[in-house]
PDB file of N, CA and C in Angstrom:
ATOM      1  N   MET A   1     114.008  50.808  73.055  1.00  0.00           N
ATOM      2  CA  MET A   1     115.060  51.044  73.695  1.00  0.00           C
ATOM      3  C   MET A   1     115.126  49.910  74.510  1.00  0.00           C
ATOM      4  N   ILE A   2     116.338  49.081  74.678  1.00  0.00           N
ATOM      5  CA  ILE A   2     116.578  48.032  75.581  1.00  0.00           C
ATOM      6  C   ILE A   2     117.944  48.403  76.171  1.00  0.00           C
ATOM      7  N   ASP A   3     118.086  47.830  77.465  1.00  0.00           N
ATOM      8  CA  ASP A   3     119.388  47.722  78.012  1.00  0.00           C
ATOM      9  C   ASP A   3     120.464  46.669  77.097  1.00  0.00           C
ATOM     10  N   SER A   4     121.607  47.111  77.086  1.00  0.00           N
ATOM     11  CA  SER A   4     122.495  46.336  76.408  1.00  0.00           C
ATOM     12  C   SER A   4     123.276  45.171  77.611  1.00  0.00           C
ATOM     13  N   ASP A   5     122.999  45.545  78.723  1.00  0.00           N
ATOM     14  CA  ASP A   5     123.696  44.901  79.867  1.00  0.00           C
ATOM     15  C   ASP A   5     125.016  44.256  79.563  1.00  0.00           C
ATOM     16  N   LYS A   6     125.651  45.183  78.864  1.00  0.00           N
ATOM     17  CA  LYS A   6     127.131  45.108  78.768  1.00  0.00           C
ATOM     18  C   LYS A   6     127.744  44.901  79.879  1.00  0.00           C
ATOM     19  N   GLY A   7     128.829  43.950  80.239  1.00  0.00           N
ATOM     20  CA  GLY A   7     129.440  43.769  81.502  1.00  0.00           C
ATOM     21  C   GLY A   7     128.824  42.775  82.208  1.00  0.00           C
ATOM     22  N   THR A   8     127.732  42.309  81.938  1.00  0.00           N
ATOM     23  CA  THR A   8     127.013  41.312  82.711  1.00  0.00           C
ATOM     24  C   THR A   8     126.929  39.867  81.963  1.00  0.00           C
ATOM     25  N   ASP A   9     126.339  38.837  82.616  1.00  0.00           N
ATOM     26  CA  ASP A   9     126.131  37.453  82.032  1.00  0.00           C
ATOM     27  C   ASP A   9     124.762  37.656  81.130  1.00  0.00           C
ATOM     28  N   GLU A  10     124.132  38.713  81.104  1.00  0.00           N
ATOM     29  CA  GLU A  10     122.678  38.652  80.285  1.00  0.00           C
ATOM     30  C   GLU A  10     123.007  39.686  79.092  1.00  0.00           C
ATOM     31  N   ALA A  11     124.399  39.941  78.714  1.00  0.00           N
ATOM     32  CA  ALA A  11     124.516  40.740  77.587  1.00  0.00           C
ATOM     33  C   ALA A  11     124.232  39.953  76.425  1.00  0.00           C
ATOM     34  N   LYS A  12     124.611  38.552  76.029  1.00  0.00           N
ATOM     35  CA  LYS A  12     124.109  37.945  74.964  1.00  0.00           C
ATOM     36  C   LYS A  12     122.714  37.837  74.793  1.00  0.00           C
ATOM     37  N   GLN A  13     122.021  37.456  75.950  1.00  0.00           N
ATOM     38  CA  GLN A  13     120.685  37.361  75.791  1.00  0.00           C
ATOM     39  C   GLN A  13     119.918  38.876  75.344  1.00  0.00           C
ATOM     40  N   SER A  14     120.400  39.908  75.969  1.00  0.00           N
ATOM     41  CA  SER A  14     119.941  41.111  75.349  1.00  0.00           C
ATOM     42  C   SER A  14     120.193  41.336  73.908  1.00  0.00           C
ATOM     43  N   GLN A  15     121.185  40.782  73.375  1.00  0.00           N
ATOM     44  CA  GLN A  15     121.676  41.064  71.971  1.00  0.00           C
ATOM     45  C   GLN A  15     120.626  40.239  71.104  1.00  0.00           C
ATOM     46  N   ARG A  16     120.355  38.929  71.599  1.00  0.00           N
ATOM     47  CA  ARG A  16     119.597  37.984  71.020  1.00  0.00           C
ATOM     48  C   ARG A  16     118.092  38.744  70.865  1.00  0.00           C
ATOM     49  N   HIS A  17     117.599  39.299  72.153  1.00  0.00           N
ATOM     50  CA  HIS A  17     116.433  39.931  72.343  1.00  0.00           C
ATOM     51  C   HIS A  17     116.306  41.200  71.367  1.00  0.00           C
ATOM     52  N   LEU A  18     117.349  41.635  71.163  1.00  0.00           N
ATOM     53  CA  LEU A  18     117.303  42.769  70.233  1.00  0.00           C
ATOM     54  C   LEU A  18     117.247  42.704  68.724  1.00  0.00           C
ATOM     55  N   HIS A  19     118.048  41.559  68.285  1.00  0.00           N
ATOM     56  CA  HIS A  19     117.961  40.827  67.053  1.00  0.00           C
ATOM     57  C   HIS A  19     116.505  40.402  66.752  1.00  0.00           C
ATOM     58  N   ARG A  20     115.853  39.995  67.812  1.00  0.00           N
ATOM     59  CA  ARG A  20     114.334  39.390  67.598  1.00  0.00           C
ATOM     60  C   ARG A  20     113.235  40.522  67.539  1.00  0.00           C
ATOM     61  N   ILE A  21     113.622  41.548  68.264  1.00  0.00           N
ATOM     62  CA  ILE A  21     112.785  42.599  67.929  1.00  0.00           C
ATOM     63  C   ILE A  21     113.055  43.227  66.591  1.00  0.00           C
ATOM     64  N   ARG A  22     114.213  43.363  65.991  1.00  0.00           N
ATOM     65  CA  ARG A  22     114.661  43.856  64.910  1.00  0.00           C
ATOM     66  C   ARG A  22     113.835  43.253  63.654  1.00  0.00           C
ATOM     67  N   ALA A  23     114.055  41.778  63.882  1.00  0.00           N
ATOM     68  CA  ALA A  23     113.266  40.764  62.752  1.00  0.00           C
ATOM     69  C   ALA A  23     111.767  41.070  63.016  1.00  0.00           C
ATOM     70  N   LYS A  24     111.254  41.284  64.148  1.00  0.00           N
ATOM     71  CA  LYS A  24     109.779  41.181  64.105  1.00  0.00           C
ATOM     72  C   LYS A  24     109.296  42.407  63.606  1.00  0.00           C
ATOM     73  N   TYR A  25     110.169  43.704  63.845  1.00  0.00           N
ATOM     74  CA  TYR A  25     109.702  45.018  63.310  1.00  0.00           C
ATOM     75  C   TYR A  25     110.549  45.609  62.386  1.00  0.00           C
ATOM     76  N   PRO A  26     110.811  45.024  61.341  1.00  0.00           N
ATOM     77  CA  PRO A  26     111.990  45.614  60.093  1.00  0.00           C
ATOM     78  C   PRO A  26     111.743  46.923  59.670  1.00  0.00           C
ATOM     79  N   TRP A  27     110.439  47.337  59.626  1.00  0.00           N
ATOM     80  CA  TRP A  27     110.266  48.807  59.186  1.00  0.00           C
ATOM     81  C   TRP A  27     110.491  49.749  60.275  1.00  0.00           C
ATOM     82  N   MET A  28     110.901  49.535  61.605  1.00  0.00           N
ATOM     83  CA  MET A  28     111.092  50.444  62.572  1.00  0.00           C
ATOM     84  C   MET A  28     112.646  50.272  63.018  1.00  0.00           C
ATOM     85  N   GLN A  29     113.562  50.048  62.260  1.00  0.00           N
ATOM     86  CA  GLN A  29     114.998  49.944  62.426  1.00  0.00           C
ATOM     87  C   GLN A  29     115.469  51.070  63.036  1.00  0.00           C
ATOM     88  N   ALA A  30     115.113  52.063  62.520  1.00  0.00           N
ATOM     89  CA  ALA A  30     115.582  53.492  62.834  1.00  0.00           C
ATOM     90  C   ALA A  30     115.180  53.923  64.345  1.00  0.00           C
ATOM     91  N   HIS A  31     114.336  53.131  64.855  1.00  0.00           N
ATOM     92  CA  HIS A  31     113.644  53.402  66.232  1.00  0.00           C
ATOM     93  C   HIS A  31     113.984  52.239  67.330  1.00  0.00           C
ATOM     94  N   ILE A  32     114.704  51.355  66.749  1.00  0.00           N
ATOM     95  CA  ILE A  32     115.009  50.203  67.812  1.00  0.00           C
ATOM     96  C   ILE A  32     116.515  50.149  68.138  1.00  0.00           C
ATOM     97  N   HIS A  33     117.008  50.572  69.368  1.00  0.00           N
ATOM     98  CA  HIS A  33     118.126  50.719  69.767  1.00  0.00           C
ATOM     99  C   HIS A  33     118.599  49.954  71.291  1.00  0.00           C
ATOM    100  N   ALA A  34     119.565  49.622  71.414  1.00  0.00           N
ATOM    101  CA  ALA A  34     120.148  49.155  72.729  1.00  0.00           C
ATOM    102  C   ALA A  34     120.976  50.134  73.138  1.00  0.00           C
ATOM    103  N   THR A  35     121.229  50.188  74.545  1.00  0.00           N
ATOM    104  CA  THR A  35     122.021  51.375  75.135  1.00  0.00           C
ATOM    105  C   THR A  35     123.525  50.920  75.151  1.00  0.00           C
ATOM    106  N   PHE A  36     124.323  52.198  74.847  1.00  0.00           N
ATOM    107  CA  PHE A  36     125.754  51.647  74.712  1.00  0.00           C
ATOM    108  C   PHE A  36     126.306  51.471  76.137  1.00  0.00           C
ATOM    109  N   LYS A  37     125.812  51.866  77.018  1.00  0.00           N
ATOM    110  CA  LYS A  37     126.045  51.723  78.406  1.00  0.00           C
ATOM    111  C   LYS A  37     125.293  50.486  79.119  1.00  0.00           C
ATOM    112  N   ARG A  38     125.575  49.830  80.063  1.00  0.00           N
ATOM    113  CA  ARG A  38     124.897  48.787  80.470  1.00  0.00           C
ATOM    114  C   ARG A  38     123.372  48.879  80.561  1.00  0.00           C
ATOM    115  N   GLU A  39     122.832  50.068  81.092  1.00  0.00           N
ATOM    116  CA  GLU A  39     121.429  50.027  81.279  1.00  0.00           C
ATOM    117  C   GLU A  39     121.094  51.662  81.176  1.00  0.00           C
ATOM    118  N   ILE A  40     119.993  51.784  80.872  1.00  0.00           N
ATOM    119  CA  ILE A  40     119.541  53.299  80.779  1.00  0.00           C
ATOM    120  C   ILE A  40     119.770  54.040  82.008  1.00  0.00           C
ATOM    121  N   GLU A  41     119.932  53.436  83.286  1.00  0.00           N
ATOM    122  CA  GLU A  41     120.186  54.138  84.505  1.00  0.00           C
ATOM    123  C   GLU A  41     121.645  54.705  84.467  1.00  0.00           C
ATOM    124  N   ASN A  42     122.399  54.110  83.749  1.00  0.00           N
ATOM    125  CA  ASN A  42     123.822  54.540  83.773  1.00  0.00           C
ATOM    126  C   ASN A  42     123.912  55.816  83.116  1.00  0.00           C
ATOM    127  N   TYR A  43     123.042  56.465  82.545  1.00  0.00           N
ATOM    128  CA  TYR A  43     123.056  57.708  81.789  1.00  0.00           C
ATOM    129  C   TYR A  43     122.779  58.869  82.969  1.00  0.00           C
ATOM    130  N   LEU A  44     122.341  58.471  84.082  1.00  0.00           N
ATOM    131  CA  LEU A  44     121.642  59.308  84.999  1.00  0.00           C
ATOM    132  C   LEU A  44     122.770  60.067  85.858  1.00  0.00           C
ATOM    133  N   VAL A  45     122.578  61.371  86.061  1.00  0.00           N
ATOM    134  CA  VAL A  45     123.528  62.098  86.765  1.00  0.00           C
ATOM    135  C   VAL A  45     122.878  62.629  88.130  1.00  0.00           C
ATOM    136  N   PHE A  46     123.214  62.051  89.395  1.00  0.00           N
ATOM    137  CA  PHE A  46     122.750  62.634  90.490  1.00  0.00           C
ATOM    138  C   PHE A  46     123.500  63.803  91.190  1.00  0.00           C
ATOM    139  N   LYS A  47     122.761  64.739  91.523  1.00  0.00           N
ATOM    140  CA  LYS A  47     123.489  66.155  92.143  1.00  0.00           C
ATOM    141  C   LYS A  47     122.813  66.499  93.622  1.00  0.00           C
ATOM    142  N   GLU A  48     123.631  66.416  94.471  1.00  0.00           N
ATOM    143  CA  GLU A  48     122.986  66.869  95.906  1.00  0.00           C
ATOM    144  C   GLU A  48     123.877  67.835  96.453  1.00  0.00           C
ATOM    145  N   GLY A  49     123.274  68.897  96.525  1.00  0.00           N
ATOM    146  CA  GLY A  49     124.221  70.240  96.906  1.00  0.00           C
ATOM    147  C   GLY A  49     125.321  70.460  95.717  1.00  0.00           C
ATOM    148  N   LYS A  50     126.512  70.300  96.258  1.00  0.00           N
ATOM    149  CA  LYS A  50     127.751  70.818  95.356  1.00  0.00           C
ATOM    150  C   LYS A  50     128.326  69.295  94.847  1.00  0.00           C
ATOM    151  N   LYS A  51     127.714  68.320  95.451  1.00  0.00           N
ATOM    152  CA  LYS A  51     128.359  66.779  95.127  1.00  0.00           C
ATOM    153  C   LYS A  51     127.491  66.352  94.000  1.00  0.00           C
ATOM    154  N   THR A  52     128.346  65.788  93.003  1.00  0.00           N
ATOM    155  CA  THR A  52     127.824  65.164  91.655  1.00  0.00           C
ATOM    156  C   THR A  52     128.127  63.641  91.543  1.00  0.00           C
ATOM    157  N   HIS A  53     127.221  62.935  91.383  1.00  0.00           N
ATOM    158  CA  HIS A  53     127.608  61.464  91.122  1.00  0.00           C
ATOM    159  C   HIS A  53     127.209  60.896  89.676  1.00  0.00           C
ATOM    160  N   VAL A  54     128.219  60.599  88.821  1.00  0.00           N
ATOM    161  CA  VAL A  54     127.927  60.058  87.538  1.00  0.00           C
ATOM    162  C   VAL A  54     128.368  58.440  87.621  1.00  0.00           C
ATOM    163  N   PHE A  55     127.443  57.770  87.035  1.00  0.00           N
ATOM    164  CA  PHE A  55     127.813  56.195  87.014  1.00  0.00           C
ATOM    165  C   PHE A  55     128.690  56.014  85.847  1.00  0.00           C
ATOM    166  N   ALA A  56     129.659  54.857  86.258  1.00  0.00           N
ATOM    167  CA  ALA A  56     130.590  54.295  85.084  1.00  0.00           C
ATOM    168  C   ALA A  56     129.549  53.352  84.283  1.00  0.00           C
ATOM    169  N   PRO A  57     130.090  53.372  82.916  1.00  0.00           N
ATOM    170  CA  PRO A  57     129.066  52.810  81.941  1.00  0.00           C
ATOM    171  C   PRO A  57     128.635  51.399  82.229  1.00  0.00           C
ATOM    172  N   TYR A  58     129.347  50.550  82.992  1.00  0.00           N
ATOM    173  CA  TYR A  58     128.884  49.142  83.255  1.00  0.00           C
ATOM    174  C   TYR A  58     128.500  48.905  84.758  1.00  0.00           C
ATOM    175  N   GLU A  59     128.303  50.001  85.405  1.00  0.00           N
ATOM    176  CA  GLU A  59     128.235  49.933  87.002  1.00  0.00           C
ATOM    177  C   GLU A  59     126.768  49.366  87.239  1.00  0.00           C
ATOM    178  N   ASP A  60     126.325  48.659  88.170  1.00  0.00           N
ATOM    179  CA  ASP A  60     125.219  48.204  88.672  1.00  0.00           C
ATOM    180  C   ASP A  60     124.175  49.336  89.374  1.00  0.00           C
ATOM    181  N   VAL A  61     123.710  50.226  88.431  1.00  0.00           N
ATOM    182  CA  VAL A  61     123.151  51.391  89.005  1.00  0.00           C
ATOM    183  C   VAL A  61     121.962  51.126  89.811  1.00  0.00           C
ATOM    184  N   LYS A  62     121.193  50.076  89.604  1.00  0.00           N
ATOM    185  CA  LYS A  62     119.904  49.674  90.268  1.00  0.00           C
ATOM    186  C   LYS A  62     120.407  49.348  91.601  1.00  0.00           C
ATOM    187  N   GLN A  63     121.308  48.783  91.969  1.00  0.00           N
ATOM    188  CA  GLN A  63     121.820  48.692  93.216  1.00  0.00           C
ATOM    189  C   GLN A  63     122.341  49.818  93.992  1.00  0.00           C
ATOM    190  N   HIS A  64     123.086  50.661  93.266  1.00  0.00           N
ATOM    191  CA  HIS A  64     123.376  51.972  93.891  1.00  0.00           C
ATOM    192  C   HIS A  64     122.345  52.838  94.207  1.00  0.00           C
ATOM    193  N   MET A  65     121.225  52.858  93.304  1.00  0.00           N
ATOM    194  CA  MET A  65     119.927  53.776  93.671  1.00  0.00           C
ATOM    195  C   MET A  65     119.303  53.266  94.859  1.00  0.00           C
ATOM    196  N   TYR A  66     119.242  51.941  94.942  1.00  0.00           N
ATOM    197  CA  TYR A  66     118.756  51.465  96.279  1.00  0.00           C
ATOM    198  C   TYR A  66     119.289  51.910  97.294  1.00  0.00           C
ATOM    199  N   ASP A  67     120.603  51.909  97.339  1.00  0.00           N
ATOM    200  CA  ASP A  67     121.600  52.427  98.339  1.00  0.00           C
ATOM    201  C   ASP A  67     121.641  53.935  98.683  1.00  0.00           C
ATOM    202  N   LEU A  68     121.554  54.814  97.493  1.00  0.00           N
ATOM    203  CA  LEU A  68     121.634  56.051  97.572  1.00  0.00           C
ATOM    204  C   LEU A  68     120.446  56.653  97.705  1.00  0.00           C
ATOM    205  N   MET A  69     119.423  56.209  97.110  1.00  0.00           N
ATOM    206  CA  MET A  69     118.208  56.850  96.899  1.00  0.00           C
ATOM    207  C   MET A  69     117.023  56.446  98.006  1.00  0.00           C
ATOM    208  N   GLN A  70     117.313  56.060  99.254  1.00  0.00           N
ATOM    209  CA  GLN A  70     116.363  55.596  99.932  1.00  0.00           C
ATOM    210  C   GLN A  70     115.179  56.528 100.279  1.00  0.00           C
ATOM    211  N   GLN A  71     115.584  57.902 100.202  1.00  0.00           N
ATOM    212  CA  GLN A  71     114.537  58.901 100.329  1.00  0.00           C
ATOM    213  C   GLN A  71     113.599  59.221  98.848  1.00  0.00           C
ATOM    214  N   HIS A  72     114.064  58.541  98.077  1.00  0.00           N
ATOM    215  CA  HIS A  72     113.361  58.626  96.504  1.00  0.00           C
ATOM    216  C   HIS A  72     113.058  57.335  96.023  1.00  0.00           C
ATOM    217  N   ARG A  73     112.619  56.582  96.785  1.00  0.00           N
ATOM    218  CA  ARG A  73     112.299  55.213  96.334  1.00  0.00           C
ATOM    219  C   ARG A  73     111.239  55.066  95.046  1.00  0.00           C
ATOM    220  N   GLU A  74     110.576  56.195  95.040  1.00  0.00           N
ATOM    221  CA  GLU A  74     109.395  56.105  93.736  1.00  0.00           C
ATOM    222  C   GLU A  74     110.408  56.249  92.543  1.00  0.00           C
ATOM    223  N   LEU A  75     111.418  56.824  92.444  1.00  0.00           N
ATOM    224  CA  LEU A  75     112.314  57.034  91.025  1.00  0.00           C
ATOM    225  C   LEU A  75     112.771  55.260  90.736  1.00  0.00           C
ATOM    226  N   VAL A  76     113.129  54.600  91.897  1.00  0.00           N
ATOM    227  CA  VAL A  76     113.715  53.391  91.588  1.00  0.00           C
ATOM    228  C   VAL A  76     112.362  52.569  90.944  1.00  0.00           C
ATOM    229  N   GLU A  77     111.460  52.655  91.472  1.00  0.00           N
ATOM    230  CA  GLU A  77     110.110  51.758  91.430  1.00  0.00           C
ATOM    231  C   GLU A  77     109.727  52.425  89.716  1.00  0.00           C
ATOM    232  N   TYR A  78     109.914  53.697  89.608  1.00  0.00           N
ATOM    233  CA  TYR A  78     109.625  54.126  88.217  1.00  0.00           C
ATOM    234  C   TYR A  78     110.274  53.362  87.065  1.00  0.00           C
ATOM    235  N   PHE A  79     111.623  53.104  87.419  1.00  0.00           N
ATOM    236  CA  PHE A  79     112.564  52.364  86.516  1.00  0.00           C
ATOM    237  C   PHE A  79     112.236  51.104  86.223  1.00  0.00           C
ATOM    238  N   LEU A  80     111.967  50.527  87.397  1.00  0.00           N
ATOM    239  CA  LEU A  80     111.471  48.951  87.372  1.00  0.00           C
ATOM    240  C   LEU A  80     110.210  48.888  86.615  1.00  0.00           C
ATOM    241  N   GLN A  81     109.255  49.892  86.637  1.00  0.00           N
ATOM    242  CA  GLN A  81     108.113  49.754  85.797  1.00  0.00           C
ATOM    243  C   GLN A  81     108.537  49.843  84.499  1.00  0.00           C
ATOM    244  N   ILE A  82     109.117  50.816  84.083  1.00  0.00           N
ATOM    245  CA  ILE A  82     109.726  50.857  82.724  1.00  0.00           C
ATOM    246  C   ILE A  82     110.289  49.364  82.150  1.00  0.00           C
ATOM    247  N   ASP A  83     111.270  49.015  82.872  1.00  0.00           N
ATOM    248  CA  ASP A  83     112.203  47.712  82.431  1.00  0.00           C
ATOM    249  C   ASP A  83     110.939  46.616  82.571  1.00  0.00           C
ATOM    250  N   HIS A  84     109.968  46.411  83.375  1.00  0.00           N
ATOM    251  CA  HIS A  84     108.751  45.454  83.277  1.00  0.00           C
ATOM    252  C   HIS A  84     107.972  45.538  82.239  1.00  0.00           C
ATOM    253  N   PHE A  85     107.825  46.875  81.616  1.00  0.00           N
ATOM    254  CA  PHE A  85     106.957  47.014  80.529  1.00  0.00           C
ATOM    255  C   PHE A  85     107.696  46.909  79.351  1.00  0.00           C
ATOM    256  N   ILE A  86     108.771  47.046  79.170  1.00  0.00           N
ATOM    257  CA  ILE A  86     109.631  46.709  78.130  1.00  0.00           C
ATOM    258  C   ILE A  86     109.918  45.291  77.892  1.00  0.00           C
ATOM    259  N   ASP A  87     110.084  44.442  79.210  1.00  0.00           N
ATOM    260  CA  ASP A  87     110.014  43.150  79.058  1.00  0.00           C
ATOM    261  C   ASP A  87     108.843  42.466  78.303  1.00  0.00           C
ATOM    262  N   GLY A  88     107.543  43.106  78.543  1.00  0.00           N
ATOM    263  CA  GLY A  88     106.318  42.512  78.175  1.00  0.00           C
ATOM    264  C   GLY A  88     106.152  42.571  76.772  1.00  0.00           C
ATOM    265  N   LEU A  89     106.959  43.584  75.959  1.00  0.00           N
ATOM    266  CA  LEU A  89     106.625  43.858  74.785  1.00  0.00           C
ATOM    267  C   LEU A  89     107.389  42.629  73.705  1.00  0.00           C
ATOM    268  N   ALA A  90     108.241  41.815  74.285  1.00  0.00           N
ATOM    269  CA  ALA A  90     108.906  40.811  73.543  1.00  0.00           C
ATOM    270  C   ALA A  90     107.981  39.436  73.127  1.00  0.00           C
TER     271      ALA A  90
END
């Protein structure tokens, strides 16, 4: 699973990256995907009390996470570690 980066300058680079992965692992086609939304974080829903925040498909969620989740920094760091790990697979 990789971020599609839709709505950003990196979207074409992500598509090339996805095609390289598919070419390298043709037997794994059913398991190789890019997100429909900008990045995996766009699928998160945050609830605080009765307030719910759902991110738009192409919103910069990482920036919002830094802004909104100052008390939950470990969640942001976790997603950054996943992103770094996935980058290392290429």
